[in-house]
Amino acid sequence: MLDSFILGVVQGLTEFLPVSSSGHLLLAREFLGLTLENTLTFDVLLHLATLLAILICFWGDIKRIFIDLWTEGLSARSSRLVWAIVVGTIPAVLAGFFLGDWLENTFRNPEYVAYALITGSIIMFLADRVSKEKGGISTPKGFLIGIFQALALIPGISRSGSTISGGLIFGLSRTEAIKFAFLLGIPAILGATAKVFFDFGFNISILQFFNFQSLFGFLAAFLSGLWAVKFLVRYLANHSFTIFIIYRVVLAGVILLLL
């Protein structure tokens, strides 16, 4: 139960804070020796918990798109956003399909996570320095930001950090870059969940989900994820990535020292 709680909180916080959830989960299992039965179903539940947190926090934006579509078709603004999300998802899909297994096997060790933490920090540092608002979201910008999201397939980069950085670099305001990064994360998290099912041939019994260990982890990931989303939206709207960059670089140094 304690392992489930720790991993759930790690997932919920680091999926949204720009510090890398995959990297932290790998480190938690590596250095803390956390092990769980039914790891497959547990990972699925963690993804679903973080997806639910995004849907709740951004339900107003999601509902507005569906209302537009139902009443009079997509407005110009909603249309730009939807198409930006669609094309922004393509880079991660292609990278995951063609490079997913190679990335999984090559970069899943603490040393590479440390170097990826530093690399992601450099991306965020540059985004803070070069960002300048130049219009809102568009389909081309969505695709370019999607390339930044695809980089997060490497454990340690951080999907939220890289995607928000891409939005800032390509001229979105801080608020719009944050919002788009989270909305773009919805199909990304759905895809990651679906990949688990496809990889294991859907050999998951629904009964495996209903045990206290898995549901406890789900609740921990969901509640910590809700807090992380709300905190990050408020914080990054008026602050730079500096505090997260410092944390990432210090963590990378600790990892390399402990190897």
Protein backbone atom coordinates (compact mmCIF):
# COMPACT_ATOMS: atom_id res chain seq x y z
CA MET A 1 0.00 0.00 0.00
CA LEU A 2 2.85 2.41 0.85
CA ASP A 3 4.64 1.66 -2.43
CA SER A 4 1.37 2.20 -4.30
CA PHE A 5 0.81 5.52 -2.54
CA ILE A 6 4.35 6.77 -3.23
CA LEU A 7 4.26 5.83 -6.91
CA GLY A 8 0.79 7.36 -7.27
CA VAL A 9 1.91 10.66 -5.78
CA VAL A 10 5.09 10.63 -7.88
CA GLN A 11 3.03 10.09 -11.03
CA GLY A 12 0.42 12.70 -10.15
CA LEU A 13 2.93 15.42 -9.32
CA THR A 14 5.57 14.79 -11.95
CA GLU A 15 3.19 14.14 -14.86
CA PHE A 16 2.27 17.81 -14.72
CA LEU A 17 5.15 19.59 -13.01
CA PRO A 18 8.00 20.06 -15.52
CA VAL A 19 10.32 17.50 -13.91
CA SER A 20 9.48 14.30 -15.89
CA SER A 21 7.09 11.62 -14.62
CA SER A 22 8.73 8.74 -16.50
CA GLY A 23 12.13 9.73 -15.17
CA HIS A 24 10.89 10.01 -11.57
CA LEU A 25 8.98 6.72 -11.72
CA LEU A 26 12.09 5.00 -13.03
CA LEU A 27 14.20 6.55 -10.26
CA ALA A 28 11.62 5.70 -7.60
CA ARG A 29 11.67 2.07 -8.62
CA GLU A 30 15.46 2.02 -9.06
CA PHE A 31 16.65 3.78 -5.89
CA LEU A 32 13.76 3.10 -3.51
CA GLY A 33 13.32 -0.48 -4.68
CA LEU A 34 9.58 -0.07 -5.09
CA THR A 35 7.91 -3.13 -6.55
CA LEU A 36 4.26 -3.93 -7.13
CA GLU A 37 2.23 -6.87 -8.31
CA ASN A 38 0.13 -6.27 -11.43
CA THR A 39 2.47 -3.48 -12.55
CA LEU A 40 0.72 -3.41 -15.94
CA THR A 41 -2.73 -2.62 -14.54
CA PHE A 42 -1.21 -0.21 -12.03
CA ASP A 43 0.49 1.78 -14.81
CA VAL A 44 -2.82 1.93 -16.71
CA LEU A 45 -4.60 3.27 -13.63
CA LEU A 46 -1.92 5.92 -13.09
CA HIS A 47 -2.39 7.14 -16.66
CA LEU A 48 -6.17 7.21 -16.24
CA ALA A 49 -5.85 9.14 -12.97
CA THR A 50 -3.75 11.86 -14.56
CA LEU A 51 -6.08 11.99 -17.57
CA LEU A 52 -9.06 12.50 -15.26
CA ALA A 53 -7.22 15.34 -13.50
CA ILE A 54 -6.68 17.16 -16.82
CA LEU A 55 -10.30 16.66 -17.90
CA ILE A 56 -11.60 18.13 -14.66
CA CYS A 57 -9.23 21.11 -14.62
CA PHE A 58 -9.82 22.03 -18.26
CA TRP A 59 -13.43 20.90 -18.57
CA GLY A 60 -14.54 24.45 -19.34
CA ASP A 61 -12.33 24.62 -22.44
CA ILE A 62 -13.26 21.10 -23.54
CA LYS A 63 -16.99 21.75 -23.03
CA ARG A 64 -16.77 24.99 -25.02
CA ILE A 65 -15.40 23.07 -28.03
CA PHE A 66 -18.20 20.51 -27.89
CA ILE A 67 -20.86 23.21 -27.48
CA ASP A 68 -19.46 25.00 -30.53
CA LEU A 69 -19.55 21.78 -32.51
CA TRP A 70 -23.09 20.90 -31.41
CA THR A 71 -24.71 24.29 -31.93
CA GLU A 72 -23.19 25.86 -35.01
CA GLY A 73 -20.03 24.05 -35.93
CA LEU A 74 -16.63 25.02 -34.65
CA SER A 75 -15.94 28.72 -34.29
CA ALA A 76 -12.75 30.04 -35.86
CA ARG A 77 -10.99 30.04 -32.49
CA SER A 78 -12.14 26.53 -31.53
CA SER A 79 -11.30 25.26 -35.02
CA ARG A 80 -7.71 26.53 -34.75
CA LEU A 81 -7.35 24.91 -31.35
CA VAL A 82 -8.78 21.55 -32.43
CA TRP A 83 -6.63 21.34 -35.56
CA ALA A 84 -3.56 22.40 -33.60
CA ILE A 85 -4.20 19.55 -31.15
CA VAL A 86 -4.76 17.07 -34.00
CA VAL A 87 -1.57 17.90 -35.90
CA GLY A 88 0.33 18.46 -32.64
CA THR A 89 -0.33 14.84 -31.72
CA ILE A 90 1.24 13.50 -34.93
CA PRO A 91 4.94 13.86 -33.97
CA ALA A 92 4.50 11.90 -30.73
CA VAL A 93 2.49 9.20 -32.53
CA LEU A 94 5.13 8.79 -35.22
CA ALA A 95 8.02 8.88 -32.75
CA GLY A 96 6.29 6.38 -30.49
CA PHE A 97 5.48 4.02 -33.38
CA PHE A 98 8.90 4.03 -35.03
CA LEU A 99 11.22 4.78 -32.10
CA GLY A 100 9.22 3.80 -29.02
CA ASP A 101 10.86 0.42 -28.37
CA TRP A 102 14.35 1.77 -29.09
CA LEU A 103 13.84 4.73 -26.74
CA GLU A 104 12.40 2.40 -24.11
CA ASN A 105 15.39 0.08 -24.22
CA THR A 106 18.11 2.72 -24.65
CA PHE A 107 17.23 5.50 -22.23
CA ARG A 108 15.66 3.63 -19.32
CA ASN A 109 18.52 3.85 -16.86
CA PRO A 110 19.38 6.46 -14.21
CA GLU A 111 22.44 7.85 -16.03
CA TYR A 112 20.48 8.70 -19.16
CA VAL A 113 17.66 10.13 -17.04
CA ALA A 114 20.20 12.48 -15.41
CA TYR A 115 21.45 13.70 -18.79
CA ALA A 116 17.87 14.11 -20.03
CA LEU A 117 17.02 16.16 -16.93
CA ILE A 118 19.87 18.52 -17.82
CA THR A 119 18.85 18.64 -21.50
CA GLY A 120 15.25 19.44 -20.60
CA SER A 121 16.50 22.16 -18.26
CA ILE A 122 18.41 23.78 -21.12
CA ILE A 123 15.25 23.75 -23.27
CA MET A 124 13.24 25.44 -20.51
CA PHE A 125 16.01 27.97 -19.84
CA LEU A 126 16.08 28.95 -23.52
CA ALA A 127 12.27 29.14 -23.65
CA ASP A 128 12.24 31.60 -20.77
CA ARG A 129 14.85 33.76 -22.49
CA VAL A 130 13.55 33.82 -26.07
CA SER A 131 9.79 33.75 -25.48
CA LYS A 132 7.90 36.64 -27.03
CA GLU A 133 4.18 36.63 -27.74
CA LYS A 134 3.53 36.57 -31.49
CA GLY A 135 -0.11 35.72 -32.03
CA GLY A 136 -2.21 32.81 -30.81
CA ILE A 137 -2.29 29.12 -31.56
CA SER A 138 -2.36 27.92 -35.17
CA THR A 139 -2.06 24.60 -36.98
CA PRO A 140 1.64 25.06 -37.92
CA LYS A 141 2.47 26.11 -34.36
CA GLY A 142 0.57 23.09 -33.06
CA PHE A 143 2.73 20.76 -35.15
CA LEU A 144 5.98 22.42 -34.06
CA ILE A 145 4.95 22.31 -30.41
CA GLY A 146 4.04 18.66 -30.94
CA ILE A 147 7.68 17.97 -31.86
CA PHE A 148 8.66 19.28 -28.44
CA GLN A 149 6.08 16.97 -26.87
CA ALA A 150 7.58 14.02 -28.75
CA LEU A 151 10.96 14.70 -27.09
CA ALA A 152 9.36 13.69 -23.80
CA LEU A 153 9.36 10.06 -24.92
CA ILE A 154 12.89 10.19 -23.52
CA PRO A 155 12.59 9.69 -19.72
CA GLY A 156 13.80 12.81 -17.94
CA ILE A 157 12.80 15.41 -20.54
CA SER A 158 9.29 16.15 -19.15
CA ARG A 159 6.25 16.32 -21.40
CA SER A 160 4.76 19.39 -19.73
CA GLY A 161 8.07 21.25 -19.52
CA SER A 162 9.06 20.53 -23.10
CA THR A 163 5.60 21.25 -24.55
CA ILE A 164 5.13 24.50 -22.63
CA SER A 165 8.63 25.53 -23.70
CA GLY A 166 7.71 24.85 -27.32
CA GLY A 167 4.64 27.04 -26.96
CA LEU A 168 6.71 29.89 -25.52
CA ILE A 169 9.40 29.57 -28.20
CA PHE A 170 6.80 29.72 -30.98
CA GLY A 171 5.11 32.84 -29.70
CA LEU A 172 2.25 31.79 -27.41
CA SER A 173 1.55 33.72 -24.25
CA ARG A 174 2.47 31.93 -21.03
CA THR A 175 -1.20 31.25 -20.21
CA GLU A 176 -1.96 29.92 -23.70
CA ALA A 177 1.21 27.81 -23.82
CA ILE A 178 0.29 26.15 -20.51
CA LYS A 179 -3.32 25.52 -21.54
CA PHE A 180 -2.36 24.13 -24.94
CA ALA A 181 0.28 21.85 -23.39
CA PHE A 182 -2.29 20.27 -21.11
CA LEU A 183 -4.96 19.93 -23.81
CA LEU A 184 -2.35 18.37 -26.10
CA GLY A 185 -1.59 15.96 -23.26
CA ILE A 186 -5.08 14.43 -23.42
CA PRO A 187 -4.52 12.42 -26.64
CA ALA A 188 -0.93 11.74 -25.54
CA ILE A 189 -2.04 10.13 -22.28
CA LEU A 190 -4.85 8.27 -24.05
CA GLY A 191 -2.29 6.97 -26.53
CA ALA A 192 0.09 5.86 -23.78
CA THR A 193 -2.76 3.98 -22.10
CA ALA A 194 -3.85 2.35 -25.35
CA LYS A 195 -0.26 1.32 -26.08
CA VAL A 196 -0.17 -0.66 -22.85
CA PHE A 197 -3.24 -2.62 -23.92
CA PHE A 198 -1.93 -3.23 -27.43
CA ASP A 199 1.51 -4.28 -26.22
CA PHE A 200 0.01 -6.91 -23.96
CA GLY A 201 -2.75 -8.03 -26.27
CA PHE A 202 -5.57 -6.76 -24.04
CA ASN A 203 -4.81 -9.58 -21.61
CA ILE A 204 -5.95 -7.55 -18.62
CA SER A 205 -8.84 -8.72 -16.51
CA ILE A 206 -11.15 -5.97 -15.26
CA LEU A 207 -11.01 -7.65 -11.86
CA GLN A 208 -7.29 -6.80 -11.64
CA PHE A 209 -8.17 -3.14 -11.33
CA PHE A 210 -10.38 -3.60 -8.29
CA ASN A 211 -7.91 -4.14 -5.49
CA PHE A 212 -7.00 -1.76 -2.71
CA GLN A 213 -3.39 -1.42 -3.80
CA SER A 214 -4.20 -0.25 -7.34
CA LEU A 215 -7.17 1.93 -6.36
CA PHE A 216 -5.13 3.54 -3.57
CA GLY A 217 -2.45 4.44 -6.13
CA PHE A 218 -5.13 5.74 -8.51
CA LEU A 219 -6.57 8.03 -5.83
CA ALA A 220 -3.11 9.28 -4.83
CA ALA A 221 -2.23 10.04 -8.48
CA PHE A 222 -5.56 11.74 -9.13
CA LEU A 223 -5.52 14.03 -6.09
CA SER A 224 -1.85 14.95 -6.42
CA GLY A 225 -2.39 15.49 -10.15
CA LEU A 226 -5.27 17.88 -9.51
CA TRP A 227 -3.11 19.91 -7.18
CA ALA A 228 -0.15 19.89 -9.58
CA VAL A 229 -2.19 21.14 -12.55
CA LYS A 230 -3.78 23.98 -10.59
CA PHE A 231 -0.47 24.95 -9.02
CA LEU A 232 1.44 24.94 -12.30
CA VAL A 233 -1.18 26.99 -14.16
CA ARG A 234 -1.09 29.67 -11.46
CA TYR A 235 2.67 29.59 -10.95
CA LEU A 236 3.97 29.59 -14.53
CA ALA A 237 1.51 32.27 -15.60
CA ASN A 238 3.64 34.76 -13.65
CA HIS A 239 6.96 33.02 -13.05
CA SER A 240 9.78 31.47 -15.06
CA PHE A 241 10.93 27.84 -15.03
CA THR A 242 13.88 28.74 -12.77
CA ILE A 243 12.79 26.84 -9.65
CA PHE A 244 12.17 23.69 -11.69
CA ILE A 245 15.45 24.05 -13.59
CA ILE A 246 17.37 24.26 -10.32
CA TYR A 247 15.58 21.17 -8.98
CA ARG A 248 16.25 19.19 -12.17
CA VAL A 249 19.95 20.08 -12.31
CA VAL A 250 20.45 19.27 -8.61
CA LEU A 251 18.61 15.96 -9.01
CA ALA A 252 20.73 15.10 -12.07
CA GLY A 253 23.89 15.81 -10.09
CA VAL A 254 22.72 13.61 -7.20
CA ILE A 255 21.91 10.76 -9.59
CA LEU A 256 25.32 10.93 -11.26
CA LEU A 257 27.05 11.01 -7.87
CA LEU A 258 25.15 7.96 -6.66
CA LEU A 259 25.87 5.86 -9.75
